[in-house]
Amino acid sequence: MISMFMNANKKTRKLRSSVRILLLLGVCACLVCFGLAGWHGWRYFHRRDNTDAQKAEHAADIRDSIAIQENGSGTVLKATPDAGQAYTDETLFLGDSNTVRFMTFLDTDGHTFTTADNTIAVVGMGVDGITSVPCEQFGFGTVSMDLAVSYLQPRRIIMTFGTNNLGAPDVTAEDFAADYARQITAVEEAYPYADIIINSIPPCGKYSHYPIITIEEIREFNEAILKMCEENEWYFLNSFEALADRFTGYAKEAYIEADGIHFNADGLAAMHRYIRTHALNTEDRRPALEPVPYLIGPVTEIYTVDPLSNQEFSEEVLNPHAQQAEETPAEQYVPQEQPPAEEPAAEEPAAEPAAPETPEEPQNP
């Protein structure tokens, strides 16, 4: 009996010992779980704080990149009263597909933004084509942009290039700007009497058919263009700020086509308004103008393969539909008030005509 009692006592002690071990393991497991949960929670909130700070810093960078400062050099064109259609008409526009669209899409007045008389543009062209690609047709033949400028003799030139140079491997923003500067210099030497205005590369859409294009590279290239203009005493037109969304830095969704790089009628209208409300008003330096040879216009469809995708250009890019732009949104720049025109002096009443003289009667002989 005593032996049985002692055996039962041993079993009870073993059971209690096992229970204690299990309880201890359970407590340890709970502590480990609570520790891991706390660690993950701390990481989550810390990461969220860092993300918010990064977002705020990114937003500040976007605002700074959209509103490029001129650094006191006078290079960046400032806001002006609307210079009107006359300013556009006496300006020659050189560029790529978005400049081609200036000749195709309609402004709110039902007319195209520019015409073949003051536009030389080619779909898919990069900066290297300015002096190497014959693209402007005259009655005597086809010549490159720099030579065409010497025949057209414009008062000013606005160039918008760079989109088709994006995404190239091993090409830095400085390399691009150096190539661009050589091309612009050739245009300037061909006709040294025109003011040179270099437009910024427009922003791309947040969603694009061209993954090689990034908004960061566009901003980097634009900074290089600005520096290039400062060094060569050319003017810089920051139309990027009229097209970019101030919260995302990408092109405004209402302005961009689905492919992410071509602007619709409203986007082109915004760019056109920016050009006219950031006008360059300098003295006309041109000598007496020579007669312009018979002009046929630009050959816009020289390239058949898109340099950004290595695919055939779509028909909509080569021949865009002429959409009508909407009226100017309220958020757009409002031109400053023009000074009131002086009232013309009152005209003096015209003198009454003198009475006709009565012919003398012939005297009798």
Protein backbone atom coordinates (compact mmCIF):
# COMPACT_ATOMS: atom_id res chain seq x y z
CA MET A 1 0.00 0.00 0.00
CA ILE A 2 2.81 2.32 0.97
CA SER A 3 4.56 1.45 -2.28
CA MET A 4 1.46 2.31 -4.31
CA PHE A 5 1.09 5.63 -2.49
CA MET A 6 4.73 6.52 -3.15
CA ASN A 7 4.38 5.69 -6.86
CA ALA A 8 1.24 7.87 -7.14
CA ASN A 9 3.07 10.69 -5.37
CA LYS A 10 5.93 10.49 -7.87
CA LYS A 11 3.48 10.60 -10.81
CA THR A 12 1.77 13.68 -9.33
CA ARG A 13 5.11 15.46 -8.93
CA LYS A 14 6.06 14.62 -12.51
CA LEU A 15 2.68 15.91 -13.75
CA ARG A 16 3.05 19.11 -11.78
CA SER A 17 6.57 19.57 -13.13
CA SER A 18 5.32 19.07 -16.71
CA VAL A 19 2.52 21.58 -16.15
CA ARG A 20 5.01 24.10 -14.80
CA ILE A 21 7.23 23.63 -17.83
CA LEU A 22 4.28 24.03 -20.19
CA LEU A 23 3.15 27.19 -18.37
CA LEU A 24 6.67 28.58 -18.53
CA LEU A 25 6.90 27.84 -22.25
CA GLY A 26 3.51 29.46 -22.79
CA VAL A 27 4.57 32.60 -20.93
CA CYS A 28 7.78 32.76 -22.97
CA ALA A 29 5.82 32.31 -26.18
CA CYS A 30 3.45 35.13 -25.20
CA LEU A 31 6.35 37.42 -24.39
CA VAL A 32 7.97 36.64 -27.72
CA CYS A 33 4.69 37.32 -29.58
CA PHE A 34 4.13 40.59 -27.75
CA GLY A 35 7.71 41.61 -28.44
CA LEU A 36 7.43 40.85 -32.15
CA ALA A 37 4.10 42.66 -32.37
CA GLY A 38 5.55 45.70 -30.65
CA TRP A 39 8.61 45.68 -32.89
CA HIS A 40 6.50 45.44 -36.05
CA GLY A 41 4.21 48.15 -34.76
CA TRP A 42 7.15 50.44 -34.07
CA ARG A 43 8.53 49.75 -37.56
CA TYR A 44 5.15 50.50 -39.15
CA PHE A 45 4.68 53.84 -37.46
CA HIS A 46 8.32 54.80 -37.90
CA ARG A 47 8.15 53.91 -41.59
CA ARG A 48 4.89 55.82 -41.95
CA ASP A 49 6.50 58.88 -40.36
CA ASN A 50 9.45 58.60 -42.71
CA THR A 51 7.11 58.12 -45.69
CA ASP A 52 5.15 61.25 -44.77
CA ALA A 53 8.38 63.20 -44.46
CA GLN A 54 9.57 61.87 -47.79
CA LYS A 55 6.25 62.80 -49.40
CA ALA A 56 6.48 66.32 -48.02
CA GLU A 57 10.06 66.64 -49.25
CA HIS A 58 9.05 65.24 -52.65
CA ALA A 59 6.18 67.74 -52.90
CA ALA A 60 8.59 70.58 -52.11
CA ASP A 61 10.98 69.31 -54.80
CA ILE A 62 8.12 69.24 -57.30
CA ARG A 63 7.12 72.82 -56.52
CA ASP A 64 10.72 73.95 -56.86
CA SER A 65 11.22 72.11 -60.15
CA ILE A 66 8.01 73.44 -61.68
CA ALA A 67 8.77 77.06 -60.79
CA ILE A 68 12.36 77.40 -62.00
CA GLN A 69 14.02 80.53 -60.69
CA GLU A 70 16.01 82.78 -62.99
CA ASN A 71 18.90 83.44 -60.58
CA GLY A 72 18.89 87.12 -61.49
CA SER A 73 20.29 86.48 -64.98
CA GLY A 74 17.19 87.56 -66.92
CA THR A 75 17.28 84.25 -68.79
CA VAL A 76 13.86 82.96 -67.69
CA LEU A 77 10.97 84.78 -69.35
CA LYS A 78 8.60 86.34 -66.81
CA ALA A 79 4.84 86.78 -66.93
CA THR A 80 3.64 89.60 -69.18
CA PRO A 81 0.33 90.87 -70.50
CA ASP A 82 -1.01 88.74 -73.34
CA ALA A 83 1.01 89.64 -76.43
CA GLY A 84 -1.80 88.50 -78.71
CA GLN A 85 -1.90 86.57 -81.94
CA ALA A 86 0.47 89.03 -83.61
CA TYR A 87 3.25 87.79 -81.29
CA THR A 88 2.64 84.20 -82.40
CA ASP A 89 2.47 85.14 -86.07
CA GLU A 90 5.91 86.81 -86.08
CA THR A 91 7.51 83.89 -84.19
CA LEU A 92 8.98 80.82 -85.89
CA PHE A 93 8.33 77.55 -84.01
CA LEU A 94 10.81 74.67 -84.34
CA GLY A 95 10.08 71.35 -82.65
CA ASP A 96 8.86 67.77 -82.64
CA SER A 97 5.41 66.14 -82.58
CA ASN A 98 3.80 68.48 -80.04
CA THR A 99 4.88 71.42 -82.22
CA VAL A 100 3.39 69.62 -85.23
CA ARG A 101 0.11 69.56 -83.28
CA PHE A 102 0.17 73.34 -83.08
CA MET A 103 -0.58 73.30 -86.82
CA THR A 104 -3.35 70.71 -86.50
CA PHE A 105 -5.39 71.45 -83.38
CA LEU A 106 -7.76 74.38 -83.09
CA ASP A 107 -7.75 77.16 -80.54
CA THR A 108 -10.98 78.55 -79.07
CA ASP A 109 -11.25 80.95 -82.02
CA GLY A 110 -11.49 78.03 -84.43
CA HIS A 111 -8.05 78.64 -85.97
CA THR A 112 -4.94 76.50 -85.55
CA PHE A 113 -2.41 77.71 -82.99
CA THR A 114 0.26 78.13 -85.66
CA THR A 115 0.46 77.57 -89.42
CA ALA A 116 2.89 76.13 -91.94
CA ASP A 117 4.10 79.69 -92.54
CA ASN A 118 5.66 79.95 -89.07
CA THR A 119 6.23 76.31 -88.01
CA ILE A 120 8.90 73.74 -88.88
CA ALA A 121 8.31 70.52 -86.95
CA VAL A 122 8.82 66.79 -87.44
CA VAL A 123 7.26 63.88 -85.57
CA GLY A 124 9.94 61.94 -83.69
CA MET A 125 12.77 64.42 -84.23
CA GLY A 126 15.50 64.91 -81.64
CA VAL A 127 17.91 67.82 -81.33
CA ASP A 128 20.45 66.21 -83.66
CA GLY A 129 18.04 66.58 -86.58
CA ILE A 130 17.96 70.38 -86.50
CA THR A 131 20.92 70.72 -88.85
CA SER A 132 20.99 67.25 -90.44
CA VAL A 133 17.45 66.49 -91.61
CA PRO A 134 16.03 68.28 -94.69
CA CYS A 135 12.45 68.95 -93.60
CA GLU A 136 11.31 72.39 -94.87
CA GLN A 137 10.06 72.48 -98.45
CA PHE A 138 10.52 75.52 -100.67
CA GLY A 139 9.84 75.82 -104.36
CA PHE A 140 13.51 75.22 -105.08
CA GLY A 141 13.89 72.15 -102.78
CA THR A 142 13.98 70.89 -99.19
CA VAL A 143 16.45 72.14 -96.59
CA SER A 144 17.26 71.61 -92.91
CA MET A 145 15.88 73.85 -90.16
CA ASP A 146 18.95 76.04 -89.79
CA LEU A 147 19.05 76.90 -93.49
CA ALA A 148 15.28 77.39 -93.59
CA VAL A 149 15.56 80.01 -90.84
CA SER A 150 17.87 82.10 -93.01
CA TYR A 151 15.23 82.17 -95.75
CA LEU A 152 12.24 82.82 -93.45
CA GLN A 153 14.00 85.62 -91.48
CA PRO A 154 11.85 85.45 -88.32
CA ARG A 155 11.90 88.08 -85.58
CA ARG A 156 12.21 85.38 -82.91
CA ILE A 157 12.48 81.57 -82.72
CA ILE A 158 10.98 79.24 -80.10
CA MET A 159 12.51 75.74 -80.04
CA THR A 160 10.86 72.82 -78.23
CA PHE A 161 12.99 69.69 -78.39
CA GLY A 162 14.19 66.96 -76.04
CA THR A 163 11.33 64.51 -75.60
CA ASN A 164 12.77 62.17 -78.24
CA ASN A 165 16.21 62.35 -76.61
CA LEU A 166 15.00 60.97 -73.28
CA GLY A 167 15.81 57.48 -72.07
CA ALA A 168 18.98 57.13 -74.12
CA PRO A 169 21.55 54.94 -72.34
CA ASP A 170 24.80 56.55 -71.22
CA VAL A 171 23.60 60.06 -72.22
CA THR A 172 23.68 62.53 -69.36
CA ALA A 173 21.75 65.78 -69.14
CA GLU A 174 25.04 67.63 -69.72
CA ASP A 175 25.71 65.57 -72.88
CA PHE A 176 22.23 66.38 -74.17
CA ALA A 177 22.63 70.11 -73.46
CA ALA A 178 26.00 70.20 -75.22
CA ASP A 179 24.51 68.59 -78.36
CA TYR A 180 21.52 70.95 -78.19
CA ALA A 181 23.80 73.99 -77.87
CA ARG A 182 25.73 73.02 -81.02
CA GLN A 183 22.50 72.78 -83.00
CA ILE A 184 21.15 76.09 -81.68
CA THR A 185 24.46 77.81 -82.46
CA ALA A 186 24.16 76.64 -86.07
CA VAL A 187 20.69 78.20 -86.29
CA GLU A 188 21.98 81.42 -84.74
CA GLU A 189 24.88 81.59 -87.18
CA ALA A 190 22.57 80.98 -90.13
CA TYR A 191 20.45 83.98 -89.14
CA PRO A 192 21.97 86.05 -86.28
CA TYR A 193 19.17 88.65 -86.16
CA ALA A 194 16.47 86.53 -84.48
CA ASP A 195 15.98 86.24 -80.71
CA ILE A 196 16.48 82.64 -79.54
CA ILE A 197 13.98 81.23 -77.02
CA ILE A 198 14.40 77.65 -75.79
CA ASN A 199 11.23 76.07 -74.44
CA SER A 200 11.38 73.51 -71.63
CA ILE A 201 10.75 69.83 -72.32
CA PRO A 202 7.08 69.28 -71.45
CA PRO A 203 6.14 66.92 -68.61
CA CYS A 204 5.07 63.34 -69.28
CA GLY A 205 1.90 61.77 -67.95
CA LYS A 206 1.85 59.73 -64.75
CA TYR A 207 0.77 56.74 -66.86
CA SER A 208 2.65 56.43 -70.11
CA HIS A 209 3.23 54.06 -73.01
CA TYR A 210 6.93 54.91 -72.73
CA PRO A 211 8.50 53.40 -69.59
CA ILE A 212 11.94 54.73 -70.57
CA ILE A 213 10.70 58.29 -69.96
CA THR A 214 10.70 59.50 -66.37
CA ILE A 215 9.60 62.82 -64.93
CA GLU A 216 12.86 62.93 -62.96
CA GLU A 217 14.93 62.83 -66.15
CA ILE A 218 12.75 65.53 -67.75
CA ARG A 219 13.36 67.83 -64.79
CA GLU A 220 17.09 67.07 -64.91
CA PHE A 221 17.25 67.83 -68.64
CA ASN A 222 15.32 71.08 -68.15
CA GLU A 223 17.80 72.21 -65.51
CA ALA A 224 20.60 71.52 -67.99
CA ILE A 225 18.74 73.50 -70.69
CA LEU A 226 18.36 76.45 -68.31
CA LYS A 227 22.09 76.40 -67.54
CA MET A 228 22.85 76.16 -71.28
CA CYS A 229 20.68 79.22 -71.96
CA GLU A 230 22.39 81.21 -69.19
CA GLU A 231 25.83 80.41 -70.59
CA ASN A 232 24.90 81.35 -74.18
CA GLU A 233 22.60 84.33 -73.49
CA TRP A 234 19.55 82.59 -74.90
CA TYR A 235 16.11 82.95 -73.33
CA PHE A 236 14.41 80.12 -71.43
CA LEU A 237 10.64 79.59 -71.57
CA ASN A 238 9.44 77.41 -68.68
CA SER A 239 6.11 76.26 -70.12
CA PHE A 240 6.57 73.09 -68.04
CA GLU A 241 4.95 74.94 -65.12
CA ALA A 242 1.75 75.57 -67.10
CA LEU A 243 1.37 71.89 -68.01
CA ALA A 244 2.47 70.11 -64.81
CA ASP A 245 0.23 69.19 -61.89
CA ARG A 246 1.55 70.93 -58.76
CA PHE A 247 0.77 67.93 -56.54
CA THR A 248 2.24 65.10 -58.65
CA GLY A 249 4.73 66.88 -60.91
CA TYR A 250 3.39 64.94 -63.91
CA ALA A 251 1.41 66.45 -66.77
CA LYS A 252 -2.15 67.38 -65.84
CA GLU A 253 -4.47 64.53 -66.77
CA ALA A 254 -6.85 66.92 -68.54
CA TYR A 255 -4.03 68.02 -70.87
CA ILE A 256 -2.33 64.77 -71.90
CA GLU A 257 -3.25 62.01 -74.33
CA ALA A 258 -3.40 58.36 -73.22
CA ASP A 259 0.13 57.69 -74.52
CA GLY A 260 1.56 60.05 -71.89
CA ILE A 261 3.65 62.40 -74.06
CA HIS A 262 1.34 64.04 -76.60
CA PHE A 263 -0.86 66.93 -75.55
CA ASN A 264 -4.50 67.32 -76.50
CA ALA A 265 -6.21 70.53 -77.58
CA ASP A 266 -6.53 71.86 -74.03
CA GLY A 267 -2.89 71.12 -73.24
CA LEU A 268 -1.76 72.86 -76.42
CA ALA A 269 -4.01 75.81 -75.58
CA ALA A 270 -2.37 76.06 -72.13
CA MET A 271 1.10 76.03 -73.70
CA HIS A 272 0.06 78.60 -76.31
CA ARG A 273 -1.38 80.90 -73.64
CA TYR A 274 1.83 80.56 -71.63
CA ILE A 275 3.90 81.56 -74.67
CA ARG A 276 1.80 84.66 -75.25
CA THR A 277 1.74 85.64 -71.56
CA HIS A 278 5.52 85.20 -71.16
CA ALA A 279 6.41 87.25 -74.19
CA LEU A 280 9.84 88.54 -75.17
CA ASN A 281 9.56 92.16 -76.19
CA THR A 282 12.87 93.30 -77.64
CA GLU A 283 13.77 95.62 -80.44
CA ASP A 284 13.48 94.12 -83.90
CA ARG A 285 17.11 93.66 -84.97
CA ARG A 286 16.45 92.38 -88.46
CA PRO A 287 17.84 94.24 -91.47
CA ALA A 288 15.67 94.89 -94.49
CA LEU A 289 13.87 91.63 -95.26
CA GLU A 290 14.56 89.75 -98.45
CA PRO A 291 11.69 88.19 -100.43
CA VAL A 292 10.86 84.74 -99.01
CA PRO A 293 11.12 81.93 -101.59
CA TYR A 294 7.91 80.12 -102.47
CA LEU A 295 7.09 78.15 -99.31
CA ILE A 296 5.43 74.71 -99.36
CA GLY A 297 5.87 73.87 -95.66
CA PRO A 298 7.38 71.30 -93.29
CA VAL A 299 7.66 67.60 -94.07
CA THR A 300 6.25 66.39 -90.75
CA GLU A 301 6.33 62.61 -91.34
CA ILE A 302 10.00 61.96 -92.10
CA TYR A 303 10.48 59.37 -89.34
CA THR A 304 8.36 56.22 -89.51
CA VAL A 305 9.67 54.50 -86.36
CA ASP A 306 9.17 55.98 -82.90
CA PRO A 307 12.65 56.48 -81.34
CA LEU A 308 11.18 55.97 -77.86
CA SER A 309 9.59 52.58 -78.53
CA ASN A 310 11.15 51.28 -81.77
CA GLN A 311 7.60 50.73 -83.02
CA GLU A 312 5.80 52.22 -86.02
CA PHE A 313 4.17 55.54 -85.25
CA SER A 314 0.42 55.28 -84.82
CA GLU A 315 -1.81 57.07 -87.30
CA GLU A 316 -3.18 59.29 -84.52
CA VAL A 317 0.34 60.59 -83.80
CA LEU A 318 1.16 61.20 -87.46
CA ASN A 319 -2.24 62.70 -88.31
CA PRO A 320 -3.93 63.85 -85.10
CA HIS A 321 -7.59 64.78 -85.15
CA ALA A 322 -8.15 68.55 -84.99
CA GLN A 323 -9.93 68.89 -81.66
CA GLN A 324 -11.37 72.17 -80.50
CA ALA A 325 -9.81 73.59 -77.35
CA GLU A 326 -12.04 74.59 -74.47
CA GLU A 327 -12.29 78.09 -73.06
CA THR A 328 -9.51 79.30 -70.78
CA PRO A 329 -9.86 77.73 -67.30
CA ALA A 330 -10.12 80.16 -64.40
CA GLU A 331 -6.90 78.82 -62.86
CA GLN A 332 -4.83 79.98 -65.77
CA TYR A 333 -2.72 83.11 -65.70
CA VAL A 334 -4.74 86.30 -65.97
CA PRO A 335 -2.89 88.98 -67.92
CA GLN A 336 -2.16 92.24 -66.17
CA GLU A 337 -4.31 95.19 -66.99
CA GLN A 338 -3.09 97.20 -69.89
CA PRO A 339 -2.68 100.93 -69.23
CA PRO A 340 -5.69 102.84 -70.50
CA ALA A 341 -5.19 104.09 -73.98
CA GLU A 342 -5.06 107.83 -74.39
CA GLU A 343 -8.24 109.23 -75.79
CA PRO A 344 -7.70 110.74 -79.20
CA ALA A 345 -7.98 114.50 -79.35
CA ALA A 346 -11.29 115.74 -80.60
CA GLU A 347 -11.18 116.42 -84.28
CA GLU A 348 -11.78 119.97 -85.38
CA PRO A 349 -14.86 120.36 -87.54
CA ALA A 350 -14.00 120.32 -91.16
CA ALA A 351 -14.12 123.67 -92.84
CA GLU A 352 -17.13 124.18 -95.02
CA PRO A 353 -16.27 124.02 -98.70
CA ALA A 354 -15.98 127.37 -100.35
CA ALA A 355 -18.87 128.38 -102.55
CA PRO A 356 -18.12 127.85 -106.21
CA GLU A 357 -17.09 130.96 -107.98
CA THR A 358 -19.69 132.45 -110.33
CA PRO A 359 -18.29 132.53 -113.82
CA GLU A 360 -18.07 135.99 -115.26
CA GLU A 361 -20.53 136.80 -117.99
CA PRO A 362 -18.89 137.44 -121.29
CA GLN A 363 -18.80 141.10 -122.16
CA ASN A 364 -20.41 142.35 -125.33
CA PRO A 365 -17.95 143.38 -127.95
